[in-house]
Amino acid sequence: MMNWKILKTEQDYTNASNRLMEIFNATEGTPEADELELLMVLVQDYDNRHYVLPTLSPLDAIKYKMDEKGIKAKDLEPIIGSKGHVSSILSGRREITLKIAQKLKDYFQLPAELFLPTA
């Protein structure tokens, strides 16, 4: 087991990522499992400090997924409701309710956090 420290360089990150993949299936309670846990924290920390993920609004994410899957507004009617309802949600005139967010999350296989308001 290596003496891991905070990842500061791309090379540190690469080494940690490679080792993480090497021991990914470590048996619980072994030194490798402890090392794996530590590496996951270190890699996530490096990611958080160096890579900013673009934040999409729920509406942008829905439109992106519709585009990606070739879905038209009318295809969302069984999920959201009437044509007018779909239209007002997609244009941003109407809020996405929790119930609709849940249905869209399941339909598009999106993370639930996407529909939660950010602080």
Protein backbone atom coordinates (compact mmCIF):
# COMPACT_ATOMS: atom_id res chain seq x y z
CA MET A 1 0.00 0.00 0.00
CA MET A 2 1.30 3.40 -1.00
CA ASN A 3 1.38 6.38 1.34
CA TRP A 4 -1.37 8.43 -0.30
CA LYS A 5 -1.52 12.21 0.11
CA ILE A 6 -3.78 14.94 -1.29
CA LEU A 7 -3.64 14.71 -5.11
CA LYS A 8 -1.98 17.86 -6.43
CA THR A 9 -0.92 17.03 -9.97
CA GLU A 10 -2.45 15.32 -12.98
CA GLN A 11 0.15 12.56 -12.48
CA ASP A 12 -0.94 12.05 -8.83
CA TYR A 13 -4.52 11.85 -10.08
CA THR A 14 -3.64 9.32 -12.81
CA ASN A 15 -1.69 7.15 -10.36
CA ALA A 16 -4.52 7.20 -7.83
CA SER A 17 -7.15 6.47 -10.51
CA ASN A 18 -5.14 3.55 -11.87
CA ARG A 19 -4.63 2.09 -8.39
CA LEU A 20 -8.31 2.61 -7.60
CA MET A 21 -9.29 0.55 -10.65
CA GLU A 22 -6.72 -2.11 -9.73
CA ILE A 23 -8.21 -2.68 -6.26
CA PHE A 24 -11.83 -1.77 -7.07
CA ASN A 25 -13.17 -5.17 -5.99
CA ALA A 26 -11.18 -5.34 -2.75
CA THR A 27 -12.71 -7.52 -0.04
CA GLU A 28 -14.33 -5.62 2.82
CA GLY A 29 -12.11 -5.37 5.91
CA THR A 30 -8.81 -5.78 4.06
CA PRO A 31 -6.04 -3.18 3.81
CA GLU A 32 -6.93 -2.86 0.09
CA ALA A 33 -10.53 -1.99 1.00
CA ASP A 34 -9.27 0.76 3.33
CA GLU A 35 -6.95 2.02 0.58
CA LEU A 36 -9.84 1.93 -1.91
CA GLU A 37 -12.01 4.08 0.38
CA LEU A 38 -9.20 6.60 0.79
CA LEU A 39 -8.51 6.71 -2.95
CA MET A 40 -12.18 7.33 -3.70
CA VAL A 41 -12.14 10.35 -1.38
CA LEU A 42 -8.87 11.67 -2.85
CA VAL A 43 -10.01 11.24 -6.47
CA GLN A 44 -13.37 12.88 -5.76
CA ASP A 45 -11.62 15.76 -3.99
CA TYR A 46 -9.32 16.28 -7.01
CA ASP A 47 -12.31 16.15 -9.37
CA ASN A 48 -14.19 18.71 -7.30
CA ARG A 49 -11.22 21.08 -7.26
CA HIS A 50 -10.26 20.75 -10.94
CA TYR A 51 -13.33 19.92 -12.95
CA VAL A 52 -16.42 22.07 -12.84
CA LEU A 53 -19.43 20.30 -14.26
CA PRO A 54 -21.77 22.57 -16.15
CA THR A 55 -24.96 23.11 -14.25
CA LEU A 56 -28.04 22.53 -16.32
CA SER A 57 -31.43 23.78 -15.34
CA PRO A 58 -34.03 20.99 -15.20
CA LEU A 59 -35.64 22.51 -18.28
CA ASP A 60 -32.34 22.52 -20.23
CA ALA A 61 -31.69 18.92 -19.19
CA ILE A 62 -35.16 17.84 -20.35
CA LYS A 63 -34.72 19.62 -23.69
CA TYR A 64 -31.25 18.09 -24.09
CA LYS A 65 -32.62 14.59 -23.41
CA MET A 66 -35.53 15.17 -25.79
CA ASP A 67 -33.06 16.20 -28.47
CA GLU A 68 -30.77 13.26 -27.73
CA LYS A 69 -33.64 10.74 -27.95
CA GLY A 70 -35.51 12.47 -30.78
CA ILE A 71 -38.57 13.06 -28.59
CA LYS A 72 -41.16 15.66 -29.53
CA ALA A 73 -43.26 17.71 -27.11
CA LYS A 74 -46.32 15.60 -27.94
CA ASP A 75 -44.41 12.50 -26.75
CA LEU A 76 -44.39 14.02 -23.25
CA GLU A 77 -48.18 14.41 -23.09
CA PRO A 78 -48.71 10.98 -21.44
CA ILE A 79 -46.19 12.00 -18.76
CA ILE A 80 -46.99 15.67 -18.20
CA GLY A 81 -50.58 16.01 -19.35
CA SER A 82 -52.29 18.10 -22.00
CA LYS A 83 -50.55 19.66 -24.98
CA GLY A 84 -50.95 23.10 -23.35
CA HIS A 85 -49.45 21.84 -20.11
CA VAL A 86 -46.43 20.36 -21.92
CA SER A 87 -45.99 23.57 -23.89
CA SER A 88 -46.14 25.82 -20.81
CA ILE A 89 -43.59 23.67 -18.96
CA LEU A 90 -41.18 23.51 -21.92
CA SER A 91 -41.44 27.27 -22.45
CA GLY A 92 -40.77 27.89 -18.75
CA ARG A 93 -44.16 29.54 -18.12
CA ARG A 94 -45.15 26.81 -15.70
CA GLU A 95 -43.06 25.31 -12.89
CA ILE A 96 -42.14 21.64 -12.91
CA THR A 97 -44.05 20.14 -10.00
CA LEU A 98 -42.59 17.42 -7.80
CA LYS A 99 -44.98 14.88 -9.32
CA ILE A 100 -43.97 15.80 -12.87
CA ALA A 101 -40.29 15.90 -11.90
CA GLN A 102 -40.60 12.33 -10.60
CA LYS A 103 -42.21 11.15 -13.84
CA LEU A 104 -39.60 12.95 -15.99
CA LYS A 105 -36.77 11.58 -13.86
CA ASP A 106 -38.03 8.02 -14.44
CA TYR A 107 -38.81 8.60 -18.12
CA PHE A 108 -35.42 10.14 -18.97
CA GLN A 109 -33.39 8.17 -16.40
CA LEU A 110 -32.05 11.42 -14.92
CA PRO A 111 -30.76 11.93 -11.37
CA ALA A 112 -33.43 13.25 -8.99
CA GLU A 113 -31.06 16.04 -7.81
CA LEU A 114 -31.47 17.67 -11.19
CA PHE A 115 -35.02 18.65 -10.30
CA LEU A 116 -34.20 19.94 -6.82
CA PRO A 117 -33.69 23.69 -6.43
CA THR A 118 -30.07 24.62 -5.84
CA ALA A 119 -29.15 26.89 -2.97
